[in-house]
Amino acid sequence: MSLVNLYPSWVEAKNIDFELDAYNFNFGVETDANLLKISNQIYLYFLLIYLFLPGLYRSYF
């Protein structure tokens, strides 16, 4: 009888736990995507400076 009484609260607790896990997972994916965007921008600016500027310098002098 005690197991039957505990069952709904146990299911509810597991559902809350699952929702929190899903929220944390989504938040982690979003922050990873933002970091990837930032690192891609840094990499593109790095390429722009180190590939474009020497060519510009050579064309002037």
PDB file of N, CA and C in Angstrom:
ATOM      1  N   MET A   1       0.833  -1.204   0.000  1.00  0.00           N
ATOM      2  CA  MET A   1       0.000   0.000   0.000  1.00  0.00           C
ATOM      3  C   MET A   1       0.871   1.258   0.000  1.00  0.00           C
ATOM      4  N   SER A   2       1.967   1.219   0.703  1.00  0.00           N
ATOM      5  CA  SER A   2       2.816   2.415   0.766  1.00  0.00           C
ATOM      6  C   SER A   2       3.431   2.723  -0.606  1.00  0.00           C
ATOM      7  N   LEU A   3       3.761   1.672  -1.361  1.00  0.00           N
ATOM      8  CA  LEU A   3       4.316   1.911  -2.693  1.00  0.00           C
ATOM      9  C   LEU A   3       3.287   2.564  -3.609  1.00  0.00           C
ATOM     10  N   VAL A   4       2.037   2.154  -3.473  1.00  0.00           N
ATOM     11  CA  VAL A   4       0.984   2.746  -4.302  1.00  0.00           C
ATOM     12  C   VAL A   4       0.805   4.217  -3.954  1.00  0.00           C
ATOM     13  N   ASN A   5       0.929   4.561  -2.682  1.00  0.00           N
ATOM     14  CA  ASN A   5       0.790   5.958  -2.281  1.00  0.00           C
ATOM     15  C   ASN A   5       1.983   6.793  -2.746  1.00  0.00           C
ATOM     16  N   LEU A   6       3.166   6.219  -2.773  1.00  0.00           N
ATOM     17  CA  LEU A   6       4.355   6.969  -3.164  1.00  0.00           C
ATOM     18  C   LEU A   6       4.477   7.132  -4.676  1.00  0.00           C
ATOM     19  N   TYR A   7       3.811   6.273  -5.416  1.00  0.00           N
ATOM     20  CA  TYR A   7       4.031   6.244  -6.866  1.00  0.00           C
ATOM     21  C   TYR A   7       3.779   7.588  -7.565  1.00  0.00           C
ATOM     22  N   PRO A   8       2.644   8.268  -7.317  1.00  0.00           N
ATOM     23  CA  PRO A   8       2.424   9.537  -8.036  1.00  0.00           C
ATOM     24  C   PRO A   8       3.485  10.590  -7.709  1.00  0.00           C
ATOM     25  N   SER A   9       3.876  10.714  -6.454  1.00  0.00           N
ATOM     26  CA  SER A   9       4.863  11.732  -6.108  1.00  0.00           C
ATOM     27  C   SER A   9       6.222  11.388  -6.713  1.00  0.00           C
ATOM     28  N   TRP A  10       6.546  10.088  -6.786  1.00  0.00           N
ATOM     29  CA  TRP A  10       7.816   9.687  -7.394  1.00  0.00           C
ATOM     30  C   TRP A  10       7.826  10.024  -8.886  1.00  0.00           C
ATOM     31  N   VAL A  11       6.702   9.769  -9.564  1.00  0.00           N
ATOM     32  CA  VAL A  11       6.605  10.086 -10.996  1.00  0.00           C
ATOM     33  C   VAL A  11       6.720  11.591 -11.199  1.00  0.00           C
ATOM     34  N   GLU A  12       6.075  12.360 -10.321  1.00  0.00           N
ATOM     35  CA  GLU A  12       6.128  13.814 -10.446  1.00  0.00           C
ATOM     36  C   GLU A  12       7.559  14.313 -10.260  1.00  0.00           C
ATOM     37  N   ALA A  13       8.257  13.771  -9.280  1.00  0.00           N
ATOM     38  CA  ALA A  13       9.639  14.178  -9.040  1.00  0.00           C
ATOM     39  C   ALA A  13      10.520  13.817 -10.234  1.00  0.00           C
ATOM     40  N   LYS A  14      10.307  12.650 -10.815  1.00  0.00           N
ATOM     41  CA  LYS A  14      11.105  12.270 -11.978  1.00  0.00           C
ATOM     42  C   LYS A  14      10.821  13.202 -13.159  1.00  0.00           C
ATOM     43  N   ASN A  15       9.569  13.617 -13.323  1.00  0.00           N
ATOM     44  CA  ASN A  15       9.233  14.535 -14.418  1.00  0.00           C
ATOM     45  C   ASN A  15       9.923  15.877 -14.235  1.00  0.00           C
ATOM     46  N   ILE A  16       9.926  16.400 -13.010  1.00  0.00           N
ATOM     47  CA  ILE A  16      10.599  17.670 -12.743  1.00  0.00           C
ATOM     48  C   ILE A  16      12.094  17.533 -13.020  1.00  0.00           C
ATOM     49  N   ASP A  17      12.679  16.437 -12.595  1.00  0.00           N
ATOM     50  CA  ASP A  17      14.101  16.191 -12.813  1.00  0.00           C
ATOM     51  C   ASP A  17      14.403  16.154 -14.309  1.00  0.00           C
ATOM     52  N   PHE A  18      13.539  15.504 -15.061  1.00  0.00           N
ATOM     53  CA  PHE A  18      13.736  15.406 -16.511  1.00  0.00           C
ATOM     54  C   PHE A  18      13.639  16.781 -17.168  1.00  0.00           C
ATOM     55  N   GLU A  19      12.673  17.588 -16.720  1.00  0.00           N
ATOM     56  CA  GLU A  19      12.532  18.930 -17.301  1.00  0.00           C
ATOM     57  C   GLU A  19      13.762  19.779 -17.006  1.00  0.00           C
ATOM     58  N   LEU A  20      14.300  19.668 -15.798  1.00  0.00           N
ATOM     59  CA  LEU A  20      15.504  20.427 -15.463  1.00  0.00           C
ATOM     60  C   LEU A  20      16.684  19.961 -16.308  1.00  0.00           C
ATOM     61  N   ASP A  21      16.802  18.654 -16.497  1.00  0.00           N
ATOM     62  CA  ASP A  21      17.882  18.141 -17.344  1.00  0.00           C
ATOM     63  C   ASP A  21      17.747  18.675 -18.769  1.00  0.00           C
ATOM     64  N   ALA A  22      16.523  18.693 -19.289  1.00  0.00           N
ATOM     65  CA  ALA A  22      16.306  19.186 -20.649  1.00  0.00           C
ATOM     66  C   ALA A  22      16.647  20.673 -20.730  1.00  0.00           C
ATOM     67  N   TYR A  23      16.276  21.446 -19.706  1.00  0.00           N
ATOM     68  CA  TYR A  23      16.576  22.880 -19.707  1.00  0.00           C
ATOM     69  C   TYR A  23      18.085  23.105 -19.679  1.00  0.00           C
ATOM     70  N   ASN A  24      18.778  22.366 -18.819  1.00  0.00           N
ATOM     71  CA  ASN A  24      20.227  22.523 -18.741  1.00  0.00           C
ATOM     72  C   ASN A  24      20.888  22.130 -20.051  1.00  0.00           C
ATOM     73  N   PHE A  25      20.391  21.096 -20.680  1.00  0.00           N
ATOM     74  CA  PHE A  25      20.957  20.662 -21.955  1.00  0.00           C
ATOM     75  C   PHE A  25      20.761  21.738 -23.024  1.00  0.00           C
ATOM     76  N   ASN A  26      19.547  22.299 -23.098  1.00  0.00           N
ATOM     77  CA  ASN A  26      19.291  23.346 -24.093  1.00  0.00           C
ATOM     78  C   ASN A  26      20.154  24.565 -23.831  1.00  0.00           C
ATOM     79  N   PHE A  27      20.294  24.945 -22.569  1.00  0.00           N
ATOM     80  CA  PHE A  27      21.108  26.105 -22.231  1.00  0.00           C
ATOM     81  C   PHE A  27      22.558  25.859 -22.623  1.00  0.00           C
ATOM     82  N   GLY A  28      23.037  24.647 -22.388  1.00  0.00           N
ATOM     83  CA  GLY A  28      24.408  24.313 -22.764  1.00  0.00           C
ATOM     84  C   GLY A  28      24.616  24.376 -24.261  1.00  0.00           C
ATOM     85  N   VAL A  29      23.634  23.909 -25.013  1.00  0.00           N
ATOM     86  CA  VAL A  29      23.754  23.947 -26.472  1.00  0.00           C
ATOM     87  C   VAL A  29      23.784  25.390 -26.949  1.00  0.00           C
ATOM     88  N   GLU A  30      22.943  26.258 -26.355  1.00  0.00           N
ATOM     89  CA  GLU A  30      22.925  27.660 -26.777  1.00  0.00           C
ATOM     90  C   GLU A  30      24.250  28.341 -26.478  1.00  0.00           C
ATOM     91  N   THR A  31      24.811  28.117 -25.294  1.00  0.00           N
ATOM     92  CA  THR A  31      26.075  28.777 -24.968  1.00  0.00           C
ATOM     93  C   THR A  31      27.192  28.247 -25.851  1.00  0.00           C
ATOM     94  N   ASP A  32      27.180  26.951 -26.162  1.00  0.00           N
ATOM     95  CA  ASP A  32      28.192  26.406 -27.065  1.00  0.00           C
ATOM     96  C   ASP A  32      28.075  27.037 -28.448  1.00  0.00           C
ATOM     97  N   ALA A  33      26.847  27.229 -28.919  1.00  0.00           N
ATOM     98  CA  ALA A  33      26.657  27.828 -30.241  1.00  0.00           C
ATOM     99  C   ALA A  33      27.159  29.266 -30.254  1.00  0.00           C
ATOM    100  N   ASN A  34      26.908  30.011 -29.172  1.00  0.00           N
ATOM    101  CA  ASN A  34      27.391  31.392 -29.108  1.00  0.00           C
ATOM    102  C   ASN A  34      28.903  31.435 -29.077  1.00  0.00           C
ATOM    103  N   LEU A  35      29.528  30.545 -28.316  1.00  0.00           N
ATOM    104  CA  LEU A  35      30.987  30.504 -28.271  1.00  0.00           C
ATOM    105  C   LEU A  35      31.552  30.146 -29.634  1.00  0.00           C
ATOM    106  N   LEU A  36      30.884  29.252 -30.332  1.00  0.00           N
ATOM    107  CA  LEU A  36      31.347  28.869 -31.660  1.00  0.00           C
ATOM    108  C   LEU A  36      31.253  30.051 -32.617  1.00  0.00           C
ATOM    109  N   LYS A  37      30.175  30.827 -32.530  1.00  0.00           N
ATOM    110  CA  LYS A  37      30.042  32.016 -33.370  1.00  0.00           C
ATOM    111  C   LYS A  37      31.166  33.001 -33.078  1.00  0.00           C
ATOM    112  N   ILE A  38      31.433  33.242 -31.790  1.00  0.00           N
ATOM    113  CA  ILE A  38      32.472  34.198 -31.416  1.00  0.00           C
ATOM    114  C   ILE A  38      33.833  33.720 -31.898  1.00  0.00           C
ATOM    115  N   SER A  39      34.131  32.432 -31.717  1.00  0.00           N
ATOM    116  CA  SER A  39      35.433  31.925 -32.138  1.00  0.00           C
ATOM    117  C   SER A  39      35.552  31.955 -33.660  1.00  0.00           C
ATOM    118  N   ASN A  40      34.445  31.727 -34.375  1.00  0.00           N
ATOM    119  CA  ASN A  40      34.489  31.831 -35.832  1.00  0.00           C
ATOM    120  C   ASN A  40      34.747  33.263 -36.265  1.00  0.00           C
ATOM    121  N   GLN A  41      34.144  34.231 -35.580  1.00  0.00           N
ATOM    122  CA  GLN A  41      34.381  35.635 -35.912  1.00  0.00           C
ATOM    123  C   GLN A  41      35.839  36.002 -35.666  1.00  0.00           C
ATOM    124  N   ILE A  42      36.390  35.561 -34.536  1.00  0.00           N
ATOM    125  CA  ILE A  42      37.791  35.853 -34.236  1.00  0.00           C
ATOM    126  C   ILE A  42      38.687  35.245 -35.308  1.00  0.00           C
ATOM    127  N   TYR A  43      38.383  34.025 -35.713  1.00  0.00           N
ATOM    128  CA  TYR A  43      39.180  33.349 -36.730  1.00  0.00           C
ATOM    129  C   TYR A  43      39.095  34.089 -38.062  1.00  0.00           C
ATOM    130  N   LEU A  44      37.898  34.575 -38.415  1.00  0.00           N
ATOM    131  CA  LEU A  44      37.758  35.298 -39.679  1.00  0.00           C
ATOM    132  C   LEU A  44      38.502  36.626 -39.640  1.00  0.00           C
ATOM    133  N   TYR A  45      38.441  37.334 -38.511  1.00  0.00           N
ATOM    134  CA  TYR A  45      39.194  38.579 -38.406  1.00  0.00           C
ATOM    135  C   TYR A  45      40.693  38.317 -38.452  1.00  0.00           C
ATOM    136  N   PHE A  46      41.121  37.225 -37.830  1.00  0.00           N
ATOM    137  CA  PHE A  46      42.527  36.819 -37.878  1.00  0.00           C
ATOM    138  C   PHE A  46      42.961  36.600 -39.327  1.00  0.00           C
ATOM    139  N   LEU A  47      42.138  35.877 -40.091  1.00  0.00           N
ATOM    140  CA  LEU A  47      42.465  35.646 -41.498  1.00  0.00           C
ATOM    141  C   LEU A  47      42.466  36.954 -42.280  1.00  0.00           C
ATOM    142  N   LEU A  48      41.504  37.818 -41.994  1.00  0.00           N
ATOM    143  CA  LEU A  48      41.418  39.090 -42.705  1.00  0.00           C
ATOM    144  C   LEU A  48      42.678  39.915 -42.484  1.00  0.00           C
ATOM    145  N   ILE A  49      43.123  39.995 -41.229  1.00  0.00           N
ATOM    146  CA  ILE A  49      44.293  40.811 -40.909  1.00  0.00           C
ATOM    147  C   ILE A  49      45.558  40.203 -41.493  1.00  0.00           C
ATOM    148  N   TYR A  50      45.738  38.900 -41.330  1.00  0.00           N
ATOM    149  CA  TYR A  50      47.021  38.298 -41.692  1.00  0.00           C
ATOM    150  C   TYR A  50      47.116  37.909 -43.154  1.00  0.00           C
ATOM    151  N   LEU A  51      46.005  37.846 -43.878  1.00  0.00           N
ATOM    152  CA  LEU A  51      46.073  37.540 -45.302  1.00  0.00           C
ATOM    153  C   LEU A  51      45.836  38.779 -46.159  1.00  0.00           C
ATOM    154  N   PHE A  52      44.957  39.646 -45.724  1.00  0.00           N
ATOM    155  CA  PHE A  52      44.581  40.792 -46.550  1.00  0.00           C
ATOM    156  C   PHE A  52      45.587  41.933 -46.412  1.00  0.00           C
ATOM    157  N   LEU A  53      45.998  42.249 -45.188  1.00  0.00           N
ATOM    158  CA  LEU A  53      46.862  43.406 -44.985  1.00  0.00           C
ATOM    159  C   LEU A  53      48.242  43.260 -45.617  1.00  0.00           C
ATOM    160  N   PRO A  54      48.923  42.117 -45.563  1.00  0.00           N
ATOM    161  CA  PRO A  54      50.218  42.029 -46.256  1.00  0.00           C
ATOM    162  C   PRO A  54      50.089  42.241 -47.762  1.00  0.00           C
ATOM    163  N   GLY A  55      48.994  41.756 -48.369  1.00  0.00           N
ATOM    164  CA  GLY A  55      48.782  41.998 -49.790  1.00  0.00           C
ATOM    165  C   GLY A  55      48.565  43.472 -50.070  1.00  0.00           C
ATOM    166  N   LEU A  56      47.831  44.143 -49.201  1.00  0.00           N
ATOM    167  CA  LEU A  56      47.608  45.581 -49.328  1.00  0.00           C
ATOM    168  C   LEU A  56      48.935  46.325 -49.199  1.00  0.00           C
ATOM    169  N   TYR A  57      49.743  45.897 -48.243  1.00  0.00           N
ATOM    170  CA  TYR A  57      51.040  46.525 -48.002  1.00  0.00           C
ATOM    171  C   TYR A  57      51.941  46.348 -49.222  1.00  0.00           C
ATOM    172  N   ARG A  58      51.946  45.165 -49.810  1.00  0.00           N
ATOM    173  CA  ARG A  58      52.798  44.900 -50.969  1.00  0.00           C
ATOM    174  C   ARG A  58      52.331  45.692 -52.191  1.00  0.00           C
ATOM    175  N   SER A  59      51.026  45.919 -52.292  1.00  0.00           N
ATOM    176  CA  SER A  59      50.536  46.617 -53.477  1.00  0.00           C
ATOM    177  C   SER A  59      50.882  48.108 -53.422  1.00  0.00           C
ATOM    178  N   TYR A  60      51.089  48.659 -52.235  1.00  0.00           N
ATOM    179  CA  TYR A  60      51.399  50.081 -52.119  1.00  0.00           C
ATOM    180  C   TYR A  60      52.889  50.359 -52.198  1.00  0.00           C
ATOM    181  N   PHE A  61      53.712  49.457 -51.653  1.00  0.00           N
ATOM    182  CA  PHE A  61      55.155  49.760 -51.570  1.00  0.00           C
ATOM    183  C   PHE A  61      55.929  48.861 -52.503  1.00  0.00           C
TER     184      PHE A  61
END
